[in-house]
Amino acid sequence: MKKIIALCTLMLLVSAPVFAQKYASVNAKRANIRACAGTKCAIKWYAWRYTPVIMVKTNEDKSWVLVKDFEGYSGWISASLLSPNGGMSAKVDLNVRKSPSSNADIVCTVEKGYPFKYISKKGSWIQVEDDPADPKDGKCEGWVYNVNLWGFFKQ
């Protein structure tokens, strides 16, 4: 009996804890992702509205969040610039289609990393829309096959 208890205890101690990942999306037109938690820290990269991120940790007062994107790039963002609403990023260069079919007309083409807002789902297809950085570019709304997207949506 002691061996069984010892074995169970050992298994509990060496097994890795499993944590649910927390997702958020950028809710600003453009957000600075920084090297540390503060406005004086260097800007590492920019994220656009609807860019999905994994929240890794917060600073002590929870005003800054360390985030990671779908390619593993990480940095700090002000917590006020994050939303629990869904966001998606293109995992590859892709075509956005008029309807949920690979035979449907192409509405627009976007580059890898392009962010979208989740609208709805139909089978393996996700309906998305963007918020273009320049209004002259026009809105891109349509359907994308789900394996080409990374992110989450709030149900």
N, C-alpha and C. Protein backbone atom coordinates (compact mmCIF):
# COMPACT_ATOMS: atom_id res chain seq x y z
N MET A 1 0.82 -1.19 0.00
CA MET A 1 0.00 0.00 0.00
C MET A 1 0.87 1.26 0.00
N LYS A 2 1.99 1.22 0.77
CA LYS A 2 2.88 2.37 0.82
C LYS A 2 3.48 2.66 -0.55
N LYS A 3 3.77 1.57 -1.31
CA LYS A 3 4.34 1.75 -2.64
C LYS A 3 3.34 2.43 -3.57
N ILE A 4 2.08 2.07 -3.47
CA ILE A 4 1.04 2.67 -4.31
C ILE A 4 0.90 4.16 -3.97
N ILE A 5 0.86 4.49 -2.70
CA ILE A 5 0.75 5.89 -2.27
C ILE A 5 1.97 6.68 -2.74
N ALA A 6 3.16 6.08 -2.57
CA ALA A 6 4.38 6.75 -3.00
C ALA A 6 4.38 6.98 -4.52
N LEU A 7 3.92 5.98 -5.27
CA LEU A 7 3.87 6.09 -6.72
C LEU A 7 2.87 7.17 -7.15
N CYS A 8 1.71 7.20 -6.52
CA CYS A 8 0.70 8.23 -6.84
C CYS A 8 1.22 9.62 -6.51
N THR A 9 1.89 9.75 -5.37
CA THR A 9 2.45 11.04 -4.98
C THR A 9 3.51 11.49 -5.98
N LEU A 10 4.37 10.57 -6.39
CA LEU A 10 5.40 10.88 -7.36
C LEU A 10 4.79 11.32 -8.69
N MET A 11 3.75 10.64 -9.12
CA MET A 11 3.09 11.00 -10.38
C MET A 11 2.50 12.40 -10.30
N LEU A 12 1.92 12.75 -9.17
CA LEU A 12 1.36 14.09 -9.00
C LEU A 12 2.45 15.16 -9.02
N LEU A 13 3.59 14.85 -8.43
CA LEU A 13 4.67 15.83 -8.36
C LEU A 13 5.36 16.07 -9.69
N VAL A 14 5.50 15.04 -10.51
CA VAL A 14 6.24 15.19 -11.76
C VAL A 14 5.35 15.51 -12.96
N SER A 15 4.05 15.34 -12.81
CA SER A 15 3.19 15.65 -13.95
C SER A 15 3.11 17.16 -14.12
N ALA A 16 3.18 17.61 -15.37
CA ALA A 16 3.14 19.04 -15.66
C ALA A 16 1.73 19.57 -15.48
N PRO A 17 1.60 20.73 -14.87
CA PRO A 17 0.28 21.31 -14.73
C PRO A 17 -0.26 21.75 -16.08
N VAL A 18 -1.55 21.62 -16.27
CA VAL A 18 -2.17 22.02 -17.52
C VAL A 18 -3.02 23.26 -17.26
N PHE A 19 -2.73 24.32 -17.98
CA PHE A 19 -3.46 25.57 -17.82
C PHE A 19 -4.17 25.89 -19.12
N ALA A 20 -5.39 26.37 -19.01
CA ALA A 20 -6.11 26.81 -20.19
C ALA A 20 -5.48 28.12 -20.66
N GLN A 21 -5.23 28.21 -21.95
CA GLN A 21 -4.66 29.45 -22.48
C GLN A 21 -5.75 30.51 -22.53
N LYS A 22 -5.38 31.73 -22.20
CA LYS A 22 -6.32 32.84 -22.26
C LYS A 22 -6.00 33.66 -23.50
N TYR A 23 -7.02 33.90 -24.29
CA TYR A 23 -6.87 34.65 -25.52
C TYR A 23 -7.48 36.04 -25.38
N ALA A 24 -6.99 36.96 -26.18
CA ALA A 24 -7.56 38.29 -26.30
C ALA A 24 -7.29 38.76 -27.72
N SER A 25 -7.91 39.85 -28.09
CA SER A 25 -7.60 40.46 -29.38
C SER A 25 -7.38 41.95 -29.18
N VAL A 26 -6.61 42.53 -30.07
CA VAL A 26 -6.30 43.95 -29.99
C VAL A 26 -7.56 44.74 -30.36
N ASN A 27 -7.89 45.76 -29.54
CA ASN A 27 -9.08 46.55 -29.84
C ASN A 27 -8.76 47.98 -30.26
N ALA A 28 -7.51 48.26 -30.58
CA ALA A 28 -7.09 49.57 -31.07
C ALA A 28 -6.75 49.45 -32.55
N LYS A 29 -6.85 50.54 -33.28
CA LYS A 29 -6.50 50.53 -34.70
C LYS A 29 -5.08 49.98 -34.90
N ARG A 30 -4.16 50.45 -34.06
CA ARG A 30 -2.78 49.95 -34.07
C ARG A 30 -2.26 50.01 -32.64
N ALA A 31 -1.61 48.93 -32.21
CA ALA A 31 -1.07 48.87 -30.84
C ALA A 31 0.42 48.59 -30.90
N ASN A 32 1.15 49.24 -30.01
CA ASN A 32 2.58 49.00 -29.88
C ASN A 32 2.81 47.78 -28.99
N ILE A 33 3.58 46.83 -29.47
CA ILE A 33 3.98 45.69 -28.65
C ILE A 33 5.42 45.99 -28.23
N ARG A 34 5.65 46.04 -26.92
CA ARG A 34 6.90 46.57 -26.39
C ARG A 34 7.79 45.50 -25.76
N ALA A 35 9.05 45.88 -25.56
CA ALA A 35 10.06 44.97 -24.99
C ALA A 35 9.85 44.76 -23.49
N CYS A 36 9.21 45.69 -22.82
CA CYS A 36 8.91 45.55 -21.39
C CYS A 36 7.61 46.28 -21.09
N ALA A 37 7.16 46.20 -19.87
CA ALA A 37 5.87 46.77 -19.47
C ALA A 37 6.01 48.25 -19.15
N GLY A 38 5.80 49.10 -20.15
CA GLY A 38 5.85 50.54 -19.93
C GLY A 38 5.98 51.30 -21.24
N THR A 39 5.49 52.53 -21.26
CA THR A 39 5.52 53.33 -22.49
C THR A 39 6.92 53.79 -22.87
N LYS A 40 7.86 53.72 -21.95
CA LYS A 40 9.24 54.11 -22.25
C LYS A 40 10.05 52.95 -22.85
N CYS A 41 9.47 51.76 -22.86
CA CYS A 41 10.16 50.58 -23.40
C CYS A 41 10.14 50.61 -24.93
N ALA A 42 11.13 49.99 -25.53
CA ALA A 42 11.24 49.95 -26.99
C ALA A 42 10.06 49.21 -27.62
N ILE A 43 9.64 49.69 -28.78
CA ILE A 43 8.58 49.01 -29.54
C ILE A 43 9.22 47.89 -30.34
N LYS A 44 8.73 46.66 -30.14
CA LYS A 44 9.26 45.49 -30.86
C LYS A 44 8.53 45.29 -32.19
N TRP A 45 7.20 45.46 -32.16
CA TRP A 45 6.37 45.28 -33.34
C TRP A 45 5.02 45.92 -33.10
N TYR A 46 4.21 45.97 -34.15
CA TYR A 46 2.87 46.54 -34.07
C TYR A 46 1.84 45.44 -34.28
N ALA A 47 0.70 45.61 -33.64
CA ALA A 47 -0.43 44.71 -33.86
C ALA A 47 -1.63 45.58 -34.25
N TRP A 48 -2.45 45.06 -35.13
CA TRP A 48 -3.61 45.79 -35.64
C TRP A 48 -4.89 45.27 -35.00
N ARG A 49 -5.96 46.08 -35.12
CA ARG A 49 -7.26 45.69 -34.57
C ARG A 49 -7.61 44.26 -35.00
N TYR A 50 -8.12 43.48 -34.07
CA TYR A 50 -8.54 42.08 -34.20
C TYR A 50 -7.39 41.07 -34.16
N THR A 51 -6.15 41.53 -34.05
CA THR A 51 -5.04 40.58 -33.95
C THR A 51 -5.22 39.74 -32.69
N PRO A 52 -5.31 38.41 -32.82
CA PRO A 52 -5.46 37.56 -31.64
C PRO A 52 -4.11 37.30 -30.98
N VAL A 53 -4.12 37.22 -29.67
CA VAL A 53 -2.90 36.94 -28.92
C VAL A 53 -3.22 36.00 -27.76
N ILE A 54 -2.20 35.29 -27.32
CA ILE A 54 -2.29 34.50 -26.09
C ILE A 54 -1.74 35.36 -24.98
N MET A 55 -2.49 35.49 -23.89
CA MET A 55 -2.03 36.25 -22.73
C MET A 55 -1.17 35.34 -21.87
N VAL A 56 0.10 35.68 -21.72
CA VAL A 56 1.06 34.86 -20.99
C VAL A 56 1.07 35.21 -19.51
N LYS A 57 1.19 36.50 -19.20
CA LYS A 57 1.16 36.96 -17.81
C LYS A 57 0.95 38.46 -17.79
N THR A 58 0.70 38.99 -16.59
CA THR A 58 0.54 40.43 -16.43
C THR A 58 1.64 40.96 -15.51
N ASN A 59 1.82 42.28 -15.55
CA ASN A 59 2.73 42.88 -14.57
C ASN A 59 1.99 42.94 -13.23
N GLU A 60 2.66 43.44 -12.21
CA GLU A 60 2.11 43.38 -10.85
C GLU A 60 0.75 44.07 -10.72
N ASP A 61 0.58 45.24 -11.32
CA ASP A 61 -0.71 45.95 -11.18
C ASP A 61 -1.69 45.63 -12.32
N LYS A 62 -1.34 44.65 -13.14
CA LYS A 62 -2.19 44.15 -14.23
C LYS A 62 -2.49 45.20 -15.30
N SER A 63 -1.67 46.24 -15.39
CA SER A 63 -1.89 47.28 -16.40
C SER A 63 -1.22 46.93 -17.74
N TRP A 64 -0.30 45.97 -17.72
CA TRP A 64 0.38 45.50 -18.93
C TRP A 64 0.29 43.99 -18.99
N VAL A 65 0.20 43.48 -20.22
CA VAL A 65 0.07 42.04 -20.43
C VAL A 65 1.16 41.57 -21.39
N LEU A 66 1.87 40.52 -21.01
CA LEU A 66 2.82 39.87 -21.91
C LEU A 66 2.00 38.97 -22.82
N VAL A 67 2.12 39.18 -24.13
CA VAL A 67 1.32 38.41 -25.09
C VAL A 67 2.24 37.71 -26.09
N LYS A 68 1.65 36.71 -26.76
CA LYS A 68 2.37 35.95 -27.79
C LYS A 68 1.42 35.79 -28.97
N ASP A 69 1.95 35.95 -30.19
CA ASP A 69 1.10 35.79 -31.37
C ASP A 69 1.24 34.38 -31.96
N PHE A 70 0.59 34.14 -33.09
CA PHE A 70 0.55 32.79 -33.66
C PHE A 70 1.90 32.29 -34.16
N GLU A 71 2.84 33.20 -34.35
CA GLU A 71 4.18 32.79 -34.78
C GLU A 71 5.15 32.69 -33.61
N GLY A 72 4.67 32.96 -32.40
CA GLY A 72 5.51 32.86 -31.22
C GLY A 72 6.20 34.15 -30.82
N TYR A 73 5.97 35.24 -31.57
CA TYR A 73 6.55 36.53 -31.18
C TYR A 73 5.85 37.02 -29.93
N SER A 74 6.63 37.57 -29.01
CA SER A 74 6.03 38.03 -27.75
C SER A 74 6.46 39.45 -27.43
N GLY A 75 5.69 40.07 -26.56
CA GLY A 75 5.98 41.42 -26.11
C GLY A 75 4.87 41.90 -25.19
N TRP A 76 5.03 43.10 -24.69
CA TRP A 76 4.09 43.66 -23.72
C TRP A 76 3.16 44.66 -24.39
N ILE A 77 1.88 44.62 -23.99
CA ILE A 77 0.87 45.54 -24.50
C ILE A 77 0.06 46.06 -23.32
N SER A 78 -0.36 47.32 -23.42
CA SER A 78 -1.21 47.88 -22.37
C SER A 78 -2.50 47.07 -22.30
N ALA A 79 -2.91 46.70 -21.10
CA ALA A 79 -4.13 45.89 -20.92
C ALA A 79 -5.36 46.59 -21.48
N SER A 80 -5.35 47.92 -21.49
CA SER A 80 -6.51 48.68 -21.99
C SER A 80 -6.71 48.51 -23.50
N LEU A 81 -5.72 47.98 -24.19
CA LEU A 81 -5.81 47.80 -25.64
C LEU A 81 -6.23 46.39 -26.04
N LEU A 82 -6.63 45.58 -25.06
CA LEU A 82 -7.05 44.20 -25.34
C LEU A 82 -8.53 44.03 -25.08
N SER A 83 -9.13 43.11 -25.83
CA SER A 83 -10.55 42.81 -25.72
C SER A 83 -10.74 41.30 -25.64
N PRO A 84 -11.77 40.85 -24.91
CA PRO A 84 -12.06 39.41 -24.89
C PRO A 84 -12.80 38.94 -26.13
N ASN A 85 -13.18 39.87 -27.01
CA ASN A 85 -13.90 39.51 -28.22
C ASN A 85 -12.96 38.84 -29.21
N GLY A 86 -13.50 38.08 -30.09
CA GLY A 86 -12.71 37.23 -30.98
C GLY A 86 -11.92 37.95 -32.04
N GLY A 87 -10.81 37.35 -32.37
CA GLY A 87 -9.97 37.82 -33.46
C GLY A 87 -9.31 36.63 -34.14
N MET A 88 -8.98 36.80 -35.40
CA MET A 88 -8.35 35.73 -36.19
C MET A 88 -7.21 36.33 -37.00
N SER A 89 -6.18 35.56 -37.23
CA SER A 89 -5.08 35.96 -38.12
C SER A 89 -4.92 34.91 -39.21
N ALA A 90 -4.61 35.39 -40.42
CA ALA A 90 -4.33 34.49 -41.53
C ALA A 90 -3.00 33.78 -41.25
N LYS A 91 -3.01 32.44 -41.27
CA LYS A 91 -1.77 31.68 -41.05
C LYS A 91 -0.89 31.65 -42.29
N VAL A 92 -1.50 31.93 -43.43
CA VAL A 92 -0.79 31.93 -44.72
C VAL A 92 -1.39 33.05 -45.57
N ASP A 93 -0.74 33.39 -46.69
CA ASP A 93 -1.39 34.28 -47.65
C ASP A 93 -2.65 33.56 -48.11
N LEU A 94 -3.78 34.26 -48.17
CA LEU A 94 -5.01 33.55 -48.51
C LEU A 94 -6.02 34.42 -49.25
N ASN A 95 -6.97 33.72 -49.88
CA ASN A 95 -8.08 34.36 -50.57
C ASN A 95 -9.30 34.36 -49.66
N VAL A 96 -9.96 35.49 -49.58
CA VAL A 96 -11.23 35.60 -48.87
C VAL A 96 -12.32 35.48 -49.93
N ARG A 97 -13.27 34.60 -49.69
CA ARG A 97 -14.26 34.26 -50.73
C ARG A 97 -15.65 34.83 -50.41
N LYS A 98 -16.45 34.98 -51.47
CA LYS A 98 -17.79 35.57 -51.36
C LYS A 98 -18.75 34.69 -50.57
N SER A 99 -18.58 33.39 -50.66
CA SER A 99 -19.42 32.44 -49.94
C SER A 99 -18.54 31.28 -49.45
N PRO A 100 -19.07 30.44 -48.55
CA PRO A 100 -18.25 29.37 -47.96
C PRO A 100 -18.02 28.19 -48.91
N SER A 101 -17.23 28.43 -49.94
CA SER A 101 -16.91 27.39 -50.93
C SER A 101 -15.59 27.74 -51.61
N SER A 102 -14.78 26.73 -51.88
CA SER A 102 -13.51 26.98 -52.57
C SER A 102 -13.73 27.39 -54.03
N ASN A 103 -14.95 27.23 -54.53
CA ASN A 103 -15.28 27.64 -55.89
C ASN A 103 -15.87 29.04 -55.95
N ALA A 104 -16.13 29.65 -54.80
CA ALA A 104 -16.75 30.98 -54.76
C ALA A 104 -15.77 32.05 -55.25
N ASP A 105 -16.33 33.15 -55.72
CA ASP A 105 -15.51 34.27 -56.18
C ASP A 105 -14.62 34.77 -55.06
N ILE A 106 -13.43 35.25 -55.43
CA ILE A 106 -12.49 35.83 -54.47
C ILE A 106 -12.85 37.29 -54.26
N VAL A 107 -13.08 37.67 -53.01
CA VAL A 107 -13.43 39.04 -52.65
C VAL A 107 -12.16 39.87 -52.49
N CYS A 108 -11.17 39.30 -51.82
CA CYS A 108 -9.89 39.98 -51.59
C CYS A 108 -8.84 38.93 -51.24
N THR A 109 -7.59 39.31 -51.35
CA THR A 109 -6.47 38.46 -51.00
C THR A 109 -5.68 39.17 -49.91
N VAL A 110 -5.28 38.42 -48.87
CA VAL A 110 -4.54 39.03 -47.76
C VAL A 110 -3.26 38.25 -47.49
N GLU A 111 -2.33 38.92 -46.83
CA GLU A 111 -1.04 38.32 -46.50
C GLU A 111 -1.10 37.59 -45.16
N LYS A 112 -0.16 36.69 -44.97
CA LYS A 112 0.01 35.97 -43.71
C LYS A 112 0.05 36.99 -42.56
N GLY A 113 -0.68 36.69 -41.49
CA GLY A 113 -0.70 37.56 -40.33
C GLY A 113 -1.81 38.59 -40.34
N TYR A 114 -2.53 38.72 -41.45
CA TYR A 114 -3.59 39.73 -41.55
C TYR A 114 -4.70 39.43 -40.54
N PRO A 115 -5.13 40.42 -39.76
CA PRO A 115 -6.13 40.18 -38.72
C PRO A 115 -7.57 40.38 -39.20
N PHE A 116 -8.47 39.58 -38.64
CA PHE A 116 -9.89 39.65 -38.95
C PHE A 116 -10.73 39.58 -37.69
N LYS A 117 -11.94 40.08 -37.80
CA LYS A 117 -12.97 39.89 -36.78
C LYS A 117 -13.79 38.67 -37.19
N TYR A 118 -14.09 37.81 -36.23
CA TYR A 118 -14.94 36.64 -36.47
C TYR A 118 -16.39 37.12 -36.57
N ILE A 119 -17.12 36.64 -37.58
CA ILE A 119 -18.54 36.97 -37.74
C ILE A 119 -19.41 35.75 -37.46
N SER A 120 -19.14 34.65 -38.17
CA SER A 120 -19.93 33.43 -37.98
C SER A 120 -19.17 32.23 -38.53
N LYS A 121 -19.78 31.07 -38.38
CA LYS A 121 -19.16 29.82 -38.84
C LYS A 121 -20.21 29.01 -39.59
N LYS A 122 -19.78 28.36 -40.66
CA LYS A 122 -20.66 27.46 -41.42
C LYS A 122 -19.81 26.28 -41.85
N GLY A 123 -19.99 25.15 -41.17
CA GLY A 123 -19.16 23.99 -41.45
C GLY A 123 -17.71 24.29 -41.11
N SER A 124 -16.82 24.10 -42.07
CA SER A 124 -15.39 24.36 -41.87
C SER A 124 -14.98 25.76 -42.32
N TRP A 125 -15.95 26.59 -42.60
CA TRP A 125 -15.68 27.95 -43.09
C TRP A 125 -16.02 28.98 -42.03
N ILE A 126 -15.19 30.03 -41.97
CA ILE A 126 -15.38 31.12 -41.01
C ILE A 126 -15.65 32.40 -41.80
N GLN A 127 -16.72 33.09 -41.42
CA GLN A 127 -17.02 34.39 -42.02
C GLN A 127 -16.27 35.45 -41.23
N VAL A 128 -15.53 36.31 -41.94
CA VAL A 128 -14.68 37.30 -41.30
C VAL A 128 -14.87 38.67 -41.94
N GLU A 129 -14.41 39.70 -41.21
CA GLU A 129 -14.32 41.04 -41.78
C GLU A 129 -13.11 41.72 -41.16
N ASP A 130 -12.60 42.71 -41.86
CA ASP A 130 -11.42 43.41 -41.35
C ASP A 130 -11.76 44.85 -40.98
N ASP A 131 -10.76 45.55 -40.52
CA ASP A 131 -10.83 46.98 -40.24
C ASP A 131 -9.58 47.56 -40.89
N PRO A 132 -9.66 47.93 -42.18
CA PRO A 132 -8.45 48.34 -42.89
C PRO A 132 -7.75 49.53 -42.25
N ALA A 133 -6.44 49.50 -42.26
CA ALA A 133 -5.64 50.59 -41.70
C ALA A 133 -5.91 51.88 -42.47
N ASP A 134 -6.12 51.77 -43.76
CA ASP A 134 -6.42 52.92 -44.60
C ASP A 134 -7.81 52.71 -45.21
N PRO A 135 -8.79 53.58 -44.88
CA PRO A 135 -10.15 53.41 -45.41
C PRO A 135 -10.21 53.35 -46.94
N LYS A 136 -9.22 53.92 -47.61
CA LYS A 136 -9.19 53.87 -49.08
C LYS A 136 -9.01 52.44 -49.58
N ASP A 137 -8.48 51.56 -48.73
CA ASP A 137 -8.27 50.17 -49.12
C ASP A 137 -9.58 49.40 -49.21
N GLY A 138 -10.62 49.90 -48.58
CA GLY A 138 -11.91 49.21 -48.59
C GLY A 138 -11.93 48.04 -47.63
N LYS A 139 -13.13 47.68 -47.23
CA LYS A 139 -13.32 46.59 -46.27
C LYS A 139 -13.22 45.24 -46.98
N CYS A 140 -12.65 44.28 -46.29
CA CYS A 140 -12.56 42.91 -46.81
C CYS A 140 -13.47 42.04 -45.95
N GLU A 141 -14.57 41.59 -46.52
CA GLU A 141 -15.52 40.72 -45.80
C GLU A 141 -15.76 39.48 -46.64
N GLY A 142 -15.81 38.33 -45.99
CA GLY A 142 -16.09 37.11 -46.72
C GLY A 142 -15.80 35.87 -45.90
N TRP A 143 -15.49 34.80 -46.59
CA TRP A 143 -15.34 33.49 -45.97
C TRP A 143 -13.93 32.93 -46.19
N VAL A 144 -13.41 32.30 -45.14
CA VAL A 144 -12.07 31.69 -45.17
C VAL A 144 -12.18 30.28 -44.60
N TYR A 145 -11.48 29.34 -45.23
CA TYR A 145 -11.45 27.97 -44.72
C TYR A 145 -10.72 27.97 -43.38
N ASN A 146 -11.28 27.32 -42.36
CA ASN A 146 -10.80 27.45 -40.98
C ASN A 146 -9.34 27.05 -40.74
N VAL A 147 -8.79 26.11 -41.50
CA VAL A 147 -7.40 25.70 -41.25
C VAL A 147 -6.40 26.81 -41.59
N ASN A 148 -6.86 27.82 -42.31
CA ASN A 148 -6.00 28.93 -42.70
C ASN A 148 -6.00 30.07 -41.69
N LEU A 149 -6.71 29.90 -40.59
CA LEU A 149 -6.83 30.95 -39.58
C LEU A 149 -6.31 30.48 -38.23
N TRP A 150 -5.81 31.43 -37.45
CA TRP A 150 -5.41 31.17 -36.06
C TRP A 150 -6.09 32.22 -35.20
N GLY A 151 -6.66 31.78 -34.11
CA GLY A 151 -7.29 32.73 -33.20
C GLY A 151 -8.43 32.09 -32.45
N PHE A 152 -9.41 32.90 -32.11
CA PHE A 152 -10.52 32.44 -31.30
C PHE A 152 -11.73 33.31 -31.58
N PHE A 153 -12.87 32.82 -31.14
CA PHE A 153 -14.07 33.65 -31.18
C PHE A 153 -14.85 33.42 -29.91
N LYS A 154 -15.51 34.46 -29.48
CA LYS A 154 -16.30 34.40 -28.24
C LYS A 154 -17.65 33.81 -28.58
N GLN A 155 -18.04 32.76 -27.84
CA GLN A 155 -19.33 32.13 -28.11
C GLN A 155 -20.39 32.60 -27.16
